[in-house]
Protein backbone atom coordinates (compact mmCIF):
# COMPACT_ATOMS: atom_id res chain seq x y z
CA MET A 1 104.24 144.24 37.73
CA ASP A 2 102.84 147.72 38.25
CA LYS A 3 99.93 146.34 40.33
CA ILE A 4 102.35 144.49 42.60
CA LEU A 5 104.53 147.58 43.01
CA GLN A 6 101.46 149.70 43.79
CA PHE A 7 100.45 147.29 46.54
CA VAL A 8 104.01 147.19 47.93
CA TYR A 9 104.16 151.00 47.81
CA LYS A 10 100.89 151.33 49.78
CA VAL A 11 102.19 148.94 52.44
CA TYR A 12 105.55 150.73 52.49
CA LYS A 13 103.90 154.13 53.05
CA ARG A 14 102.21 152.78 56.18
CA ILE A 15 105.34 151.33 57.77
CA ARG A 16 107.72 154.11 56.70
CA PRO A 17 109.03 156.05 59.71
CA PRO A 18 108.84 159.83 59.50
CA LYS A 19 111.70 161.58 57.74
CA ARG A 20 114.14 163.63 59.74
CA LEU A 21 114.46 167.30 58.83
CA TYR A 22 118.01 168.58 58.44
CA ARG A 23 119.05 172.04 59.50
CA TYR A 24 120.78 172.90 56.21
CA GLY A 25 118.90 170.57 53.87
CA THR A 26 120.25 167.43 52.26
CA THR A 27 123.13 169.08 50.41
CA GLY A 28 125.58 168.54 53.27
CA LEU A 29 124.80 164.82 53.66
CA LYS A 30 127.72 163.95 51.41
CA TYR A 31 130.15 165.31 54.00
CA PHE A 32 128.25 165.37 57.31
CA ASP A 33 126.05 162.31 57.17
CA ASP A 34 124.84 161.18 60.60
CA ARG A 35 121.90 159.07 59.41
CA THR A 36 121.47 155.54 60.64
CA LYS A 37 121.61 152.55 58.29
CA LYS A 38 117.85 152.18 58.65
CA GLU A 39 117.30 155.78 57.49
CA LYS A 40 119.67 155.30 54.56
CA LEU A 41 117.80 152.14 53.51
CA PHE A 42 114.44 153.92 53.66
CA ASP A 43 115.87 156.85 51.67
CA TYR A 44 117.06 154.42 49.00
CA ILE A 45 113.60 152.82 48.85
CA ASP A 46 111.97 156.28 48.72
CA GLU A 47 114.15 157.21 45.77
CA PHE A 48 113.26 153.97 43.97
CA PHE A 49 109.51 154.53 44.38
CA PHE A 50 109.82 158.19 43.42
CA ASN A 51 111.60 157.32 40.16
CA TRP A 52 109.06 154.58 39.47
CA GLN A 53 106.15 157.02 39.91
CA GLN A 54 107.87 159.63 37.71
CA ASN A 55 108.33 157.07 34.94
CA ILE A 56 104.63 156.22 35.08
CA ARG A 57 103.73 159.93 34.87
CA TYR A 58 106.11 160.48 31.94
CA ARG A 59 104.62 157.53 30.04
CA ARG A 60 101.10 158.89 30.53
CA ALA A 61 102.01 162.47 29.65
CA TYR A 62 104.04 161.70 26.53
CA ARG A 63 102.39 162.94 23.37
CA LYS A 64 104.31 162.85 20.14
CA GLN A 65 104.65 166.28 18.59
CA VAL A 66 104.18 166.10 14.85
CA PHE A 67 105.35 169.62 13.98
CA HIS A 68 106.40 172.69 15.95
CA SER A 69 105.58 176.00 14.28
CA PHE A 70 108.48 178.42 14.03
CA PHE A 71 109.30 181.80 12.57
CA ASP A 72 111.47 181.47 9.49
CA VAL A 73 113.74 184.49 9.20
CA GLY A 74 114.56 183.83 5.54
CA LEU A 75 110.90 183.71 4.51
CA GLY A 76 109.81 186.34 7.00
CA ARG A 77 106.79 184.40 8.24
CA ILE A 78 105.68 181.56 10.50
CA VAL A 79 106.03 178.06 9.05
CA SER A 80 103.47 175.67 10.50
CA SER A 81 103.70 172.52 8.38
CA ASN A 82 106.05 170.29 6.43
CA ALA A 83 104.01 170.96 3.28
CA GLU A 84 105.08 174.63 3.33
CA ILE A 85 108.73 173.61 3.61
CA LYS A 86 108.44 171.12 0.74
CA ALA A 87 106.69 173.71 -1.43
CA LYS A 88 109.52 176.17 -0.85
CA GLU A 89 112.11 173.49 -1.61
CA LYS A 90 110.36 172.86 -4.96
CA GLU A 91 110.72 176.57 -5.71
CA GLY A 92 114.49 176.26 -5.25
CA TYR A 93 115.00 177.14 -1.59
CA VAL A 94 117.22 174.86 0.51
CA TYR A 95 116.77 174.33 4.24
CA ILE A 96 120.03 173.67 6.06
CA SER A 97 120.93 173.14 9.69
CA ASP A 98 123.00 175.56 11.73
CA ALA A 99 126.01 173.26 11.55
CA GLU A 100 125.78 173.10 7.76
CA MET A 101 125.45 176.87 7.61
CA ASP A 102 128.54 177.29 9.80
CA ARG A 103 130.51 174.89 7.58
CA GLU A 104 129.47 176.75 4.43
CA THR A 105 130.35 180.11 6.00
CA ALA A 106 133.78 178.84 7.04
CA ARG A 107 134.38 177.43 3.54
CA ARG A 108 133.38 180.73 1.91
CA GLN A 109 135.65 182.71 4.27
CA ARG A 110 138.55 180.39 3.44
CA LEU A 111 137.93 180.84 -0.30
CA ASN A 112 137.72 184.63 0.10
CA LYS A 113 141.07 184.66 1.93
CA GLN A 114 142.67 182.56 -0.82
CA GLU A 115 141.32 184.86 -3.56
CA ARG A 116 142.52 187.96 -1.68
CA ARG A 117 145.94 186.39 -1.17
CA GLN A 118 146.15 185.51 -4.89
CA ARG A 119 145.17 189.06 -5.94
CA ILE A 120 147.79 190.59 -3.65
CA GLU A 121 150.42 188.14 -4.83
CA LYS A 122 149.57 188.88 -8.48
CA HIS A 123 149.72 192.64 -7.86
CA PHE A 124 153.14 192.41 -6.22
CA THR A 125 154.61 190.07 -8.83
CA GLU A 126 153.47 192.42 -11.63
CA GLY A 127 154.86 195.41 -9.73
CA PHE A 128 158.22 193.73 -9.12
CA ALA A 129 158.37 192.65 -12.78
CA ARG A 130 157.79 196.25 -13.92
CA ILE A 131 160.44 197.53 -11.49
CA LYS A 132 162.89 194.88 -12.70
CA SER A 133 162.34 195.75 -16.36
CA GLY A 134 162.76 199.49 -15.66
CA ASN A 135 159.30 200.45 -16.93
CA SER A 136 157.99 201.45 -13.50
CA HIS A 137 157.81 204.85 -11.89
CA TYR A 138 157.03 203.26 -8.52
CA TYR A 139 159.23 205.58 -6.45
CA GLN A 140 157.89 208.72 -8.17
CA ASP A 141 154.27 207.49 -7.78
CA LEU A 142 154.88 206.83 -4.10
CA GLN A 143 156.30 210.35 -3.54
CA ASN A 144 153.41 211.93 -5.47
CA ARG A 145 150.93 210.04 -3.26
CA ALA A 146 152.74 211.24 -0.13
CA LYS A 147 152.65 214.89 -1.35
CA ASN A 148 148.98 214.71 -2.29
CA GLY A 149 148.03 213.05 0.95
């Protein structure tokens, strides 16, 4: 198929009329298009052959990357292989993605808020219980704090 398309493309390049240059480029063609149907057809064919050639180039240039070296902030050094990561995981380290890290951070913040809320609630309930039983010098303590600054 590629051989046939190459032959057709060579023939097409010979019969293709020259392209017209536009004063402001091709960006305004969506609104101010004065091309003929023949020019539009040749532009469509040009785009087809251009995409075909790009696909051939991409197929030739594609090389699978096995591992990309990166600087690990937690370890403080460059990691250049999967073996290093597996060795660290055997030592007890855990590699997580950014999304997992964000989820864990949000969970920890939520737990911290709950604990803080429980401590405050406990403090107030104990204070109100002492005031209710008459064993509290809350008002005097508050005035002493105000005097002392």
